[in-house]
Protein backbone atom coordinates (compact mmCIF):
# COMPACT_ATOMS: atom_id res chain seq x y z
CA MET A 1 -0.09 -0.01 -0.03
CA ASN A 2 1.39 3.42 -0.92
CA LYS A 3 2.14 5.63 2.05
CA ASN A 4 -0.07 8.60 2.75
CA PRO A 5 1.81 12.05 2.34
CA LEU A 6 0.51 12.93 5.88
CA GLU A 7 3.04 10.26 7.16
CA TYR A 8 6.23 11.41 5.37
CA GLN A 9 5.78 14.86 3.78
CA LYS A 10 7.42 17.95 5.37
CA ILE A 11 5.23 19.27 8.22
CA SER A 12 5.39 22.92 6.75
CA LYS A 13 4.35 21.75 3.39
CA LEU A 14 1.69 19.85 4.77
CA LEU A 15 0.12 22.57 6.93
CA LYS A 16 0.27 25.08 4.03
CA GLY A 17 -1.72 22.56 1.89
CA PHE A 18 -4.38 21.80 4.49
CA ALA A 19 -4.45 25.04 6.53
CA ILE A 20 -4.42 27.78 3.74
CA PRO A 21 -7.64 26.32 2.05
CA SER A 22 -9.30 25.73 5.42
CA ILE A 23 -8.44 29.46 6.44
CA MET A 24 -9.94 30.69 3.19
CA ALA A 25 -13.07 28.55 3.69
CA MET A 26 -13.53 29.83 7.45
CA LEU A 27 -12.58 33.47 6.25
CA VAL A 28 -15.31 33.47 3.63
CA GLY A 29 -17.62 31.49 5.78
CA SER A 30 -17.44 34.37 8.23
CA LEU A 31 -18.42 36.76 5.64
CA TYR A 32 -22.01 35.51 5.81
CA ASN A 33 -22.50 37.41 8.96
CA ILE A 34 -19.95 40.25 8.35
CA VAL A 35 -21.43 41.18 5.03
CA ASP A 36 -24.84 41.24 6.20
CA GLN A 37 -23.71 43.31 9.21
CA ILE A 38 -22.08 45.84 6.81
CA PHE A 39 -24.91 46.15 4.31
CA ILE A 40 -27.47 46.31 7.17
CA GLY A 41 -25.55 48.88 8.86
CA GLN A 42 -25.44 51.02 5.73
CA GLY A 43 -28.91 50.35 4.73
CA VAL A 44 -30.90 50.19 7.98
CA GLY A 45 -28.49 51.85 10.65
CA TYR A 46 -27.17 50.78 14.12
CA ILE A 47 -30.54 49.35 15.05
CA GLY A 48 -30.08 46.79 12.25
CA ASN A 49 -26.59 46.11 13.35
CA ALA A 50 -28.12 45.39 16.87
CA ALA A 51 -30.69 43.06 15.44
CA THR A 52 -27.96 40.90 13.71
CA ASN A 53 -25.97 40.98 16.90
CA VAL A 54 -28.78 39.51 18.97
CA SER A 55 -29.38 36.86 16.26
CA TYR A 56 -25.69 35.89 16.13
CA PRO A 57 -25.90 33.26 18.87
CA LEU A 58 -28.41 31.16 16.51
CA SER A 59 -25.33 30.93 14.15
CA THR A 60 -22.81 30.12 16.72
CA ILE A 61 -25.02 27.34 18.16
CA CYS A 62 -25.27 26.04 14.52
CA LEU A 63 -21.51 26.09 14.17
CA ALA A 64 -21.32 24.23 17.39
CA ILE A 65 -23.63 21.54 16.18
CA SER A 66 -21.49 21.13 12.91
CA LEU A 67 -18.26 21.04 14.98
CA LEU A 68 -19.67 18.52 17.29
CA ILE A 69 -20.27 16.08 14.52
CA GLY A 70 -17.84 17.35 11.77
CA ILE A 71 -14.76 17.41 14.07
CA GLY A 72 -15.68 14.30 15.88
CA SER A 73 -16.08 12.22 12.64
CA ALA A 74 -12.99 13.86 11.04
CA SER A 75 -10.80 13.35 14.18
CA ARG A 76 -11.78 9.52 14.38
CA PHE A 77 -11.49 9.28 10.39
CA SER A 78 -7.89 10.62 10.44
CA ILE A 79 -6.89 8.26 13.28
CA TYR A 80 -8.51 5.31 11.33
CA LEU A 81 -6.75 6.32 8.09
CA GLY A 82 -3.44 6.34 10.11
CA GLN A 83 -4.07 2.74 11.43
CA LYS A 84 -5.24 1.72 7.88
CA LYS A 85 -8.84 0.86 9.06
CA LEU A 86 -10.74 1.98 5.95
CA ALA A 87 -13.90 0.27 6.48
CA GLN A 88 -14.37 1.74 9.87
CA ALA A 89 -13.37 5.06 8.23
CA ALA A 90 -16.15 4.82 5.67
CA GLY A 91 -18.70 3.83 8.54
CA LEU A 92 -17.83 7.20 10.14
CA VAL A 93 -18.75 9.14 7.13
CA GLY A 94 -22.10 7.59 6.75
CA ASN A 95 -22.99 7.83 10.37
CA GLY A 96 -21.73 11.39 10.50
CA ILE A 97 -24.15 12.30 7.66
CA PHE A 98 -27.03 10.62 9.41
CA LEU A 99 -26.15 12.79 12.62
CA MET A 100 -25.89 16.11 10.65
CA THR A 101 -29.24 15.85 9.00
CA THR A 102 -30.95 14.74 12.14
CA PHE A 103 -29.50 17.48 14.24
CA GLY A 104 -30.04 20.05 11.71
CA ILE A 105 -33.81 19.32 11.30
CA LEU A 106 -34.26 19.34 14.98
CA TYR A 107 -32.47 22.73 15.31
CA LEU A 108 -34.73 24.27 12.76
CA LEU A 109 -37.75 23.20 14.35
CA VAL A 110 -36.78 24.16 17.86
CA GLY A 111 -35.43 27.43 16.75
CA GLU A 112 -38.49 28.42 14.80
CA ILE A 113 -41.02 27.49 17.70
CA PHE A 114 -39.11 29.31 20.36
CA LEU A 115 -37.58 32.12 18.43
CA PRO A 116 -39.13 35.25 20.28
CA GLN A 117 -38.03 33.69 23.55
CA LEU A 118 -34.55 32.90 22.38
CA LEU A 119 -34.08 36.46 21.09
CA THR A 120 -35.33 37.77 24.33
CA ILE A 121 -32.60 35.67 26.15
CA PHE A 122 -29.99 36.87 23.72
CA GLY A 123 -30.65 40.41 24.59
CA ALA A 124 -33.09 41.90 22.20
CA THR A 125 -34.67 45.06 23.29
CA ASP A 126 -38.13 46.30 22.33
CA GLU A 127 -36.84 48.40 19.50
CA VAL A 128 -34.56 45.82 18.13
CA MET A 129 -36.97 42.80 18.42
CA PRO A 130 -38.99 43.43 15.13
CA TYR A 131 -35.69 43.49 13.03
CA ALA A 132 -34.16 40.40 14.89
CA LEU A 133 -37.35 38.38 14.36
CA GLU A 134 -37.47 39.02 10.60
CA TYR A 135 -33.64 38.30 10.13
CA ALA A 136 -33.62 35.22 12.40
CA GLY A 137 -36.73 33.74 11.17
CA ILE A 138 -35.35 33.44 7.67
CA THR A 139 -31.82 32.68 8.41
CA LEU A 140 -32.89 29.58 10.63
CA LEU A 141 -34.21 27.91 7.37
CA GLY A 142 -30.65 27.69 6.26
CA MET A 143 -29.18 26.25 9.42
CA PRO A 144 -29.70 22.46 8.46
CA PHE A 145 -27.89 23.20 5.07
CA LEU A 146 -25.02 24.94 6.92
CA ILE A 147 -24.71 22.15 9.61
CA LEU A 148 -24.31 19.49 6.58
CA THR A 149 -22.04 21.80 4.64
CA ASN A 150 -19.69 22.50 7.72
CA GLY A 151 -19.60 18.94 8.93
CA ILE A 152 -18.97 17.36 5.43
CA SER A 153 -16.25 19.94 4.78
CA ASN A 154 -14.37 18.70 7.81
CA LEU A 155 -14.55 15.21 6.35
CA ILE A 156 -13.36 16.38 2.83
CA ARG A 157 -10.42 17.99 4.50
CA ALA A 158 -9.48 14.98 6.39
CA ASP A 159 -9.86 12.95 3.20
CA GLY A 160 -7.04 14.99 1.76
CA SER A 161 -9.05 17.63 -0.40
CA PRO A 162 -8.69 20.80 1.50
CA LYS A 163 -9.08 22.83 -1.74
CA TYR A 164 -12.43 21.32 -2.44
CA SER A 165 -13.57 21.94 1.05
CA MET A 166 -12.60 25.57 0.50
CA ILE A 167 -14.52 25.88 -2.70
CA CYS A 168 -17.73 24.75 -0.88
CA MET A 169 -17.61 27.46 1.69
CA ILE A 170 -16.35 30.15 -0.91
CA ALA A 171 -19.15 29.53 -3.46
CA GLY A 172 -21.91 30.24 -1.09
CA ALA A 173 -20.33 33.18 0.42
CA ILE A 174 -19.73 34.76 -3.12
CA ILE A 175 -23.47 34.22 -3.89
CA ASN A 176 -24.33 35.93 -0.45
CA THR A 177 -22.04 38.94 -1.08
CA ILE A 178 -23.46 39.40 -4.65
CA LEU A 179 -27.26 39.08 -3.54
CA ASP A 180 -26.95 41.18 -0.44
CA PRO A 181 -26.78 44.69 -1.94
CA ILE A 182 -29.28 43.79 -4.71
CA PHE A 183 -31.83 42.63 -2.18
CA ILE A 184 -31.05 45.38 0.33
CA PHE A 185 -30.63 48.46 -1.95
CA VAL A 186 -32.26 47.46 -5.30
CA CYS A 187 -35.13 45.50 -3.92
CA LYS A 188 -35.51 47.54 -0.85
CA TRP A 189 -35.95 44.23 1.20
CA GLY A 190 -33.84 45.33 4.30
CA VAL A 191 -32.96 42.73 6.69
CA PHE A 192 -35.22 40.34 5.03
CA GLY A 193 -33.20 40.58 1.94
CA ALA A 194 -29.91 39.99 3.71
CA ALA A 195 -31.36 36.95 5.39
CA LEU A 196 -32.61 35.53 1.91
CA ALA A 197 -29.24 36.17 0.42
CA THR A 198 -27.55 34.25 3.14
CA ILE A 199 -29.58 31.10 2.95
CA LEU A 200 -29.50 30.99 -0.86
CA GLY A 201 -25.66 30.98 -0.57
CA GLN A 202 -25.87 28.18 2.05
CA ILE A 203 -27.67 26.23 -0.26
CA ILE A 204 -25.22 26.43 -3.05
CA SER A 205 -22.51 25.38 -0.59
CA PHE A 206 -24.50 22.29 0.58
CA LEU A 207 -24.99 21.07 -2.88
CA LEU A 208 -21.34 21.17 -3.58
CA ALA A 209 -20.44 19.39 -0.28
CA VAL A 210 -22.92 16.53 -0.95
CA ARG A 211 -21.45 16.21 -4.45
CA TYR A 212 -18.30 14.97 -2.85
CA LEU A 213 -19.77 12.04 -1.26
CA TRP A 214 -19.32 10.18 -4.46
CA HIS A 215 -15.62 11.19 -4.87
CA PHE A 216 -13.89 10.26 -1.62
CA GLN A 217 -10.11 9.55 -2.21
CA THR A 218 -9.15 7.24 0.67
CA ILE A 219 -12.48 5.22 1.14
CA LYS A 220 -15.36 4.15 -1.06
CA LEU A 221 -18.86 4.72 0.46
CA THR A 222 -21.32 1.74 0.28
CA ARG A 223 -24.83 0.95 1.63
CA SER A 224 -23.30 -0.57 4.64
CA SER A 225 -21.47 2.63 5.53
CA PHE A 226 -24.83 4.22 6.26
CA ARG A 227 -25.76 1.39 8.73
CA ILE A 228 -26.66 3.29 11.88
CA ASN A 229 -24.43 2.47 14.93
CA MET A 230 -25.66 4.44 17.90
CA ARG A 231 -22.74 3.31 20.04
CA ASP A 232 -20.15 4.45 17.53
CA ASN A 233 -22.16 7.67 17.04
CA LEU A 234 -21.81 8.54 20.86
CA ARG A 235 -18.12 8.08 20.52
CA THR A 236 -18.06 10.48 17.58
CA LEU A 237 -19.97 13.03 19.66
CA TYR A 238 -17.74 12.61 22.64
CA MET A 239 -14.67 13.29 20.37
CA GLY A 240 -16.34 16.45 18.97
CA ALA A 241 -17.42 17.59 22.39
CA SER A 242 -14.64 20.02 22.97
CA SER A 243 -14.91 21.95 19.68
CA CYS A 244 -18.74 22.06 20.27
CA ILE A 245 -18.51 23.19 23.76
CA ASN A 246 -16.00 25.97 22.85
CA GLN A 247 -18.67 27.29 20.42
CA VAL A 248 -21.55 26.91 22.98
CA ALA A 249 -19.43 28.54 25.52
CA ILE A 250 -18.89 31.37 22.94
CA THR A 251 -22.73 31.48 22.64
CA LEU A 252 -23.17 31.82 26.39
CA VAL A 253 -20.72 34.60 26.57
CA GLN A 254 -22.50 36.46 23.82
CA ILE A 255 -25.83 35.99 25.76
CA VAL A 256 -24.21 37.25 29.19
CA LEU A 257 -22.21 40.10 27.28
CA ASN A 258 -25.34 41.38 25.50
CA ASN A 259 -27.49 41.39 28.61
CA SER A 260 -24.66 43.09 30.71
CA LEU A 261 -24.18 45.59 28.29
CA THR A 262 -27.77 46.60 27.96
CA TYR A 263 -28.16 46.59 31.91
CA TYR A 264 -24.95 48.62 32.46
CA GLY A 265 -25.48 50.75 29.30
CA ALA A 266 -28.76 51.82 30.67
CA LEU A 267 -27.15 53.22 33.81
CA SER A 268 -24.42 55.04 31.73
CA ALA A 269 -24.37 57.87 29.05
CA TYR A 270 -24.42 55.37 26.24
CA GLY A 271 -27.72 53.70 26.75
CA LYS A 272 -28.92 50.36 25.70
CA GLU A 273 -28.68 50.15 22.06
CA ILE A 274 -25.23 51.80 21.60
CA PRO A 275 -23.26 49.07 23.54
CA LEU A 276 -25.46 46.45 21.82
CA ALA A 277 -24.57 47.55 18.37
CA ALA A 278 -20.81 48.21 19.28
CA CYS A 279 -20.60 44.67 20.64
CA GLY A 280 -21.93 43.16 17.61
CA ILE A 281 -19.26 44.91 15.43
CA VAL A 282 -16.39 44.06 17.68
CA MET A 283 -17.34 40.31 18.27
CA LYS A 284 -17.78 39.96 14.44
CA THR A 285 -14.56 41.64 13.57
CA ASN A 286 -12.94 39.48 15.99
CA ALA A 287 -14.75 36.66 14.42
CA ILE A 288 -12.49 37.34 11.25
CA LEU A 289 -9.32 36.79 13.23
CA LEU A 290 -10.82 33.80 15.06
CA SER A 291 -11.78 32.15 11.70
CA ILE A 292 -8.14 32.35 10.70
CA ILE A 293 -7.06 30.62 13.86
CA VAL A 294 -9.83 27.91 13.37
CA GLY A 295 -8.78 27.52 10.00
CA ILE A 296 -5.25 26.68 11.05
CA SER A 297 -6.60 24.43 13.84
CA GLN A 298 -8.76 22.64 11.25
CA GLY A 299 -5.89 22.35 8.82
CA VAL A 300 -3.43 20.84 11.29
CA GLN A 301 -6.00 18.34 12.65
CA PRO A 302 -5.55 15.74 10.00
CA ILE A 303 -1.89 15.99 10.25
CA ILE A 304 -1.84 15.47 14.04
CA GLY A 305 -4.48 12.91 13.98
CA TYR A 306 -2.96 10.81 11.23
CA ASN A 307 0.50 10.76 12.73
CA PHE A 308 -0.78 10.06 16.21
CA GLY A 309 -2.58 7.00 14.75
CA ALA A 310 0.70 6.01 13.04
CA ALA A 311 2.66 6.51 16.36
CA LYS A 312 4.85 9.33 14.89
CA TYR A 313 4.85 11.42 17.92
CA ASP A 314 7.63 13.75 16.86
CA ARG A 315 5.78 14.76 13.91
CA VAL A 316 2.54 15.43 16.16
CA ARG A 317 4.64 17.97 18.22
CA GLN A 318 6.21 19.57 15.06
CA ALA A 319 2.72 20.31 13.59
CA TYR A 320 1.31 21.60 16.80
CA LEU A 321 4.21 24.01 17.36
CA LEU A 322 4.16 25.24 13.74
CA ALA A 323 0.44 26.02 13.97
CA ILE A 324 1.17 28.01 17.31
CA LYS A 325 3.91 29.95 15.28
CA TRP A 326 1.33 30.73 12.43
CA ASN A 327 -1.34 31.73 15.18
CA PHE A 328 1.06 34.25 16.79
CA VAL A 329 1.89 35.95 13.51
CA VAL A 330 -1.93 36.28 12.70
CA SER A 331 -2.73 37.45 16.04
CA ALA A 332 -0.04 40.16 16.01
CA VAL A 333 -1.54 41.67 12.85
CA GLY A 334 -5.03 41.50 14.51
CA PHE A 335 -3.64 43.22 17.66
CA CYS A 336 -2.17 46.23 15.66
CA LEU A 337 -5.34 46.75 13.81
CA PHE A 338 -7.59 46.69 16.79
CA GLN A 339 -5.36 49.09 18.69
CA PHE A 340 -4.30 51.53 16.10
CA PHE A 341 -7.21 51.57 13.68
CA PRO A 342 -10.47 50.87 15.61
CA ARG A 343 -12.40 53.80 14.49
CA GLN A 344 -11.62 52.98 10.70
CA ILE A 345 -12.71 49.53 11.29
CA ILE A 346 -16.08 50.46 12.92
CA ALA A 347 -16.87 52.89 10.18
CA ILE A 348 -17.02 50.30 7.80
CA PHE A 349 -20.29 49.04 9.45
CA GLY A 350 -22.24 52.35 9.13
CA SER A 351 -22.38 55.75 10.75
CA GLY A 352 -23.19 56.70 14.13
CA ASP A 353 -22.84 59.85 16.69
CA GLN A 354 -19.93 60.80 18.59
CA LEU A 355 -20.88 58.81 21.61
CA TYR A 356 -21.44 55.69 19.48
CA TYR A 357 -17.88 55.90 17.93
CA GLU A 358 -16.48 56.66 21.50
CA PHE A 359 -17.88 53.56 23.16
CA ALA A 360 -17.23 51.22 20.15
CA VAL A 361 -13.62 52.28 20.04
CA LEU A 362 -13.16 51.74 23.82
CA PHE A 363 -14.90 48.50 23.36
CA MET A 364 -12.45 47.19 20.68
CA ARG A 365 -9.24 48.36 22.20
CA THR A 366 -10.08 47.17 25.79
CA PHE A 367 -11.98 43.74 25.11
CA LEU A 368 -9.36 42.67 22.44
CA PHE A 369 -6.35 43.78 24.21
CA MET A 370 -5.05 40.34 24.77
CA VAL A 371 -5.81 38.84 21.31
CA LEU A 372 -2.21 38.15 20.81
CA VAL A 373 -2.35 34.86 22.93
CA ASN A 374 -6.17 34.36 22.61
CA GLY A 375 -5.81 31.56 19.82
CA VAL A 376 -3.49 29.33 21.95
CA GLN A 377 -6.41 27.98 24.04
CA LEU A 378 -8.31 27.14 20.78
CA LEU A 379 -5.45 25.36 19.06
CA SER A 380 -4.64 23.52 22.21
CA SER A 381 -8.05 22.28 22.87
CA ASN A 382 -8.36 21.00 19.24
CA PHE A 383 -5.04 19.33 19.46
CA PHE A 384 -6.20 17.09 22.37
CA THR A 385 -9.24 16.21 20.28
CA ALA A 386 -7.11 15.39 17.39
CA ILE A 387 -5.08 12.75 19.41
CA GLY A 388 -8.15 11.16 20.71
CA LYS A 389 -8.12 12.80 24.35
CA ALA A 390 -11.47 14.42 24.09
CA LEU A 391 -11.91 15.00 27.71
CA LYS A 392 -8.82 16.95 28.06
CA GLY A 393 -9.81 18.98 25.06
CA LEU A 394 -13.20 19.62 26.45
CA LEU A 395 -11.79 20.85 29.82
CA LEU A 396 -9.48 23.10 27.99
CA SER A 397 -12.15 24.55 25.74
CA LEU A 398 -14.14 25.49 28.89
CA THR A 399 -11.26 27.68 30.42
CA ARG A 400 -11.55 30.88 28.81
CA GLN A 401 -15.33 31.14 28.17
CA VAL A 402 -16.94 29.49 31.17
CA PHE A 403 -14.55 29.36 33.84
CA PHE A 404 -13.12 32.77 33.56
CA LEU A 405 -14.87 35.10 31.22
CA ILE A 406 -18.53 34.71 32.14
CA PRO A 407 -17.68 35.02 35.94
CA LEU A 408 -15.63 38.07 35.27
CA ILE A 409 -18.35 39.64 32.98
CA LEU A 410 -20.76 39.35 36.08
CA ILE A 411 -18.24 40.46 38.84
CA LEU A 412 -16.17 43.17 37.54
CA PRO A 413 -19.06 45.50 36.66
CA LEU A 414 -20.25 45.64 40.12
CA ARG A 415 -17.30 47.83 40.77
CA LEU A 416 -16.38 49.26 37.51
CA GLY A 417 -19.60 49.65 35.69
CA ILE A 418 -19.80 48.98 32.01
CA PHE A 419 -16.09 49.32 31.87
CA GLY A 420 -15.84 46.20 34.00
CA VAL A 421 -17.57 44.26 30.97
CA LEU A 422 -14.88 45.38 28.64
CA LEU A 423 -12.04 44.63 31.06
CA ALA A 424 -13.18 41.03 31.53
CA GLY A 425 -11.99 39.90 28.10
CA PRO A 426 -8.29 40.49 28.20
CA ILE A 427 -8.14 39.15 31.86
CA ALA A 428 -9.81 35.96 30.90
CA ASP A 429 -7.64 35.55 27.65
CA PHE A 430 -4.26 35.71 29.84
CA ILE A 431 -5.50 33.24 32.24
CA ALA A 432 -6.58 30.85 29.56
CA PHE A 433 -3.30 31.31 27.92
CA VAL A 434 -1.42 30.17 31.01
CA VAL A 435 -3.55 27.21 31.61
CA SER A 436 -3.26 25.97 28.08
CA VAL A 437 0.50 26.20 28.07
CA ALA A 438 0.56 24.08 31.11
CA PHE A 439 -1.76 21.47 29.71
CA VAL A 440 0.33 21.08 26.44
CA TYR A 441 3.83 21.06 28.26
CA ARG A 442 2.73 18.09 30.37
CA GLU A 443 1.28 16.36 27.08
CA PHE A 444 4.46 16.89 25.04
CA ARG A 445 6.47 15.14 27.98
CA GLN A 446 4.23 12.24 27.70
CA LEU A 447 4.61 12.12 23.86
CA LYS A 448 8.31 12.20 24.24
CA ALA A 449 8.10 9.46 26.77
CA MET A 450 6.05 7.28 24.28
CA GLU A 451 8.45 7.98 21.46
CA ALA A 452 11.33 6.80 23.54
CA GLN A 453 9.54 3.66 24.75
CA LYS A 454 8.71 2.84 21.08
CA GLU A 455 12.41 3.17 20.06
């Protein structure tokens, strides 16, 4: 049997081949919300921006579901390929598609039934609610397609076709970007038009992803591949839990953040709507940076998983360390932009009064101050998932968002008011970075011991 390039090719070349298409796919995927935010901000105003902000948790929950199944399936798929267990790998794909379809339909139904209640929990005010209901009610229809597209894309990447995975995401985002200004400014459909453009793009991406099921390189799907194995499916969900929980935690942070900003904003000169709108811009701008880091993480996952399965532990360490170096370079660029050009970034998303710009600039500079080390926790969490240690990955994924950030958002404003909400971000980022370094250092010592024992 011919050797898989993951087993012998230079790590830097592999990471470029896998991570760059993944980064492009994640970047373009993040444009779904960013483009909507920009065009809605220009066409509707900052109230429209606030509406997309309170609807955003629906997208992060959707991504959490797709990561739960997609990363879980792809991680096990890569390990099985490294162990040359091709029949089991094919079964993972078939069962993964079953899980994606089932979860997607259930999420759509629950979301549509409880949409007003969910938007209230997410922080929608009376003024924002009508816009949020219109936008979210339409975008929910595309969520099942988005779950399947993201989930299958992870498997496509693990199969050794990162460029096709990228094409799946890019095609839909291009459709969305073209249709957004047409529906918003030409057809005068406002937030409804932005939402419609989004789901049409998602359907195009879905069709391209499904097409690949007949073109896997390393396996061949048969009818038996789709035989449902619930015990095996539980193992897949367990493997994807850390990536999923990380996204769920982001959603919880968004909810707590939105509600804290409206509460303490009402006690300040900024009022409720300005902090809510500014938060949407800052979080989605940061999401662009995070999408690059997630792209690096997804790109390195097949390399780490395959080589761990093949007992090539030195290559596992090399791949992780190179991914961390890439992360620091990207984060340094992000830090400079957020600290030195915040007003210019914010202006892209529409106009506002002086008070609006004052708070938005303060928010971006303060909340994202420790962005330089923010990606280490995310990469480290996915590293443990890739080597089959999902419990450690899960624990690490909870550190920044749940163990540190949410408590700080609740505690610091009691003394510092709305500025305390902003200060919670950099403090949580630094503590999570220290914990991540400690986890990985200990794991590296174990990998070295395993390598010495093998020799």
